[in-house]
Protein backbone atom coordinates (compact mmCIF):
# COMPACT_ATOMS: atom_id res chain seq x y z
CA UNK A 1 0.00 0.00 0.00
CA UNK A 2 1.25 3.46 -0.82
CA UNK A 3 1.59 6.34 1.57
CA UNK A 4 -0.41 8.77 -0.60
CA UNK A 5 -3.00 8.42 -3.37
CA UNK A 6 -3.64 11.07 -6.02
CA UNK A 7 -5.23 10.97 -9.48
CA UNK A 8 -4.19 13.19 -12.40
CA UNK A 9 -5.40 14.12 -15.90
CA UNK A 10 -2.79 14.56 -18.62
CA UNK A 11 -3.22 15.96 -22.14
CA UNK A 12 -1.94 13.54 -24.80
CA UNK A 13 1.04 14.84 -26.76
CA UNK A 14 1.98 17.50 -24.20
CA UNK A 15 4.61 17.82 -21.53
CA UNK A 16 3.21 17.31 -18.04
CA UNK A 17 4.78 17.85 -14.62
CA UNK A 18 3.58 17.94 -11.03
CA UNK A 19 5.53 19.24 -8.05
CA UNK A 20 5.02 17.10 -4.96
CA UNK A 21 5.52 18.59 -1.48
CA UNK A 22 5.34 16.27 1.51
CA UNK A 23 3.96 18.56 4.21
CA UNK A 24 2.24 18.17 7.57
CA UNK A 25 -0.95 19.95 8.69
CA UNK A 26 1.11 23.09 9.48
CA UNK A 27 2.63 23.15 5.96
CA UNK A 28 6.03 22.11 7.33
CA UNK A 29 8.23 19.51 5.55
CA UNK A 30 7.54 16.01 6.88
CA UNK A 31 10.08 13.75 5.21
CA UNK A 32 13.82 14.14 4.62
CA UNK A 33 14.45 12.30 1.35
CA UNK A 34 18.24 12.62 1.31
CA UNK A 35 19.80 9.28 0.40
CA UNK A 36 16.75 8.14 -1.59
CA UNK A 37 16.14 7.82 -5.30
CA UNK A 38 12.71 8.33 -6.84
CA UNK A 39 11.34 6.35 -9.76
CA UNK A 40 7.91 6.09 -11.29
CA UNK A 41 6.15 4.00 -13.89
CA UNK A 42 2.87 4.09 -15.79
CA UNK A 43 0.95 0.90 -16.59
CA UNK A 44 -2.42 0.15 -18.21
CA UNK A 45 -5.18 -0.93 -15.83
CA UNK A 46 -5.98 -3.83 -18.18
CA UNK A 47 -3.79 -6.72 -19.31
CA UNK A 48 -0.92 -6.61 -20.22
CA UNK A 49 0.25 -4.73 -17.16
CA UNK A 50 3.66 -3.82 -18.57
CA UNK A 51 5.03 -0.31 -18.17
CA UNK A 52 4.20 2.08 -21.03
CA UNK A 53 6.22 5.03 -19.70
CA UNK A 54 8.59 5.98 -16.91
CA UNK A 55 8.27 9.25 -15.05
CA UNK A 56 11.12 11.73 -14.97
CA UNK A 57 11.59 12.20 -11.22
CA UNK A 58 13.78 15.00 -9.88
CA UNK A 59 14.30 16.49 -6.45
CA UNK A 60 13.41 20.12 -5.85
CA UNK A 61 14.68 19.80 -2.27
CA UNK A 62 15.37 16.34 -0.88
CA UNK A 63 15.80 17.65 2.68
CA UNK A 64 12.34 19.28 2.52
CA UNK A 65 10.59 16.32 0.88
CA UNK A 66 9.96 18.13 -2.42
CA UNK A 67 10.24 16.59 -5.88
CA UNK A 68 8.78 16.73 -9.37
CA UNK A 69 7.26 13.93 -11.41
CA UNK A 70 7.02 14.49 -15.15
CA UNK A 71 6.20 12.96 -18.50
CA UNK A 72 7.39 14.57 -21.70
CA UNK A 73 5.33 15.00 -24.88
CA UNK A 74 7.03 11.98 -26.46
CA UNK A 75 5.75 9.79 -23.61
CA UNK A 76 2.20 11.15 -23.67
CA UNK A 77 1.66 11.33 -27.44
CA UNK A 78 1.44 7.56 -27.85
CA UNK A 79 -1.09 7.12 -25.04
CA UNK A 80 -4.78 6.77 -25.82
CA UNK A 81 -7.86 8.08 -24.05
CA UNK A 82 -7.86 5.74 -21.14
CA UNK A 83 -6.87 5.36 -17.56
CA UNK A 84 -3.47 4.18 -16.45
CA UNK A 85 -2.17 3.27 -13.03
CA UNK A 86 1.04 4.89 -11.83
CA UNK A 87 3.30 4.37 -8.87
CA UNK A 88 6.09 6.55 -7.50
CA UNK A 89 8.66 4.58 -5.50
CA UNK A 90 11.36 5.73 -3.07
CA UNK A 91 14.43 3.53 -2.85
CA UNK A 92 17.33 3.54 -0.41
CA UNK A 93 19.80 0.67 -0.74
CA UNK A 94 17.81 -2.55 -1.11
CA UNK A 95 14.63 -1.11 0.44
CA UNK A 96 11.81 0.40 -1.62
CA UNK A 97 8.67 2.21 -0.50
CA UNK A 98 5.55 2.96 -2.51
CA UNK A 99 5.15 6.67 -1.85
CA UNK A 100 2.49 7.80 -4.31
CA UNK A 101 0.00 5.83 -6.35
CA UNK A 102 -3.09 6.59 -8.35
CA UNK A 103 -4.69 6.80 -11.74
CA UNK A 104 -3.60 8.96 -14.62
CA UNK A 105 -6.26 9.69 -17.23
CA UNK A 106 -5.11 10.63 -20.72
CA UNK A 107 -7.18 13.28 -22.49
CA UNK A 108 -6.88 13.99 -26.20
CA UNK A 109 -9.41 16.81 -26.12
CA UNK A 110 -8.09 20.09 -27.42
CA UNK A 111 -8.59 22.74 -24.73
CA UNK A 112 -10.78 25.65 -25.72
CA UNK A 113 -9.00 28.97 -25.70
CA UNK A 114 -10.73 32.30 -25.83
CA UNK A 115 -9.10 34.71 -28.24
CA UNK A 116 -9.63 38.26 -27.06
CA UNK A 117 -11.09 40.66 -29.57
CA UNK A 118 -10.28 44.33 -29.69
């Protein structure tokens, strides 16, 4: 079981990133992640359950429990309108922890933009 669960929606063919801050109720850092590596994978929720993309995971501040998970446009352009399951894992030595897990929904809808008129 993972420590946190969060679902996201991602536009197909676009870069996507989410900053993650591990904070307590007083908005103070809760976890020192120095000495850990972060990895993440994306898998379909239907068979076959093999990974279709790996997240780019980078620390913003390991000591403050802050990091970014990202997928680039190349990763998202081949994904169809469906739901995928993802998991972000912390590893230190031979020990791994499931930190964040959830569903990622791919949207191919073109967002509507309002063009201002003069």
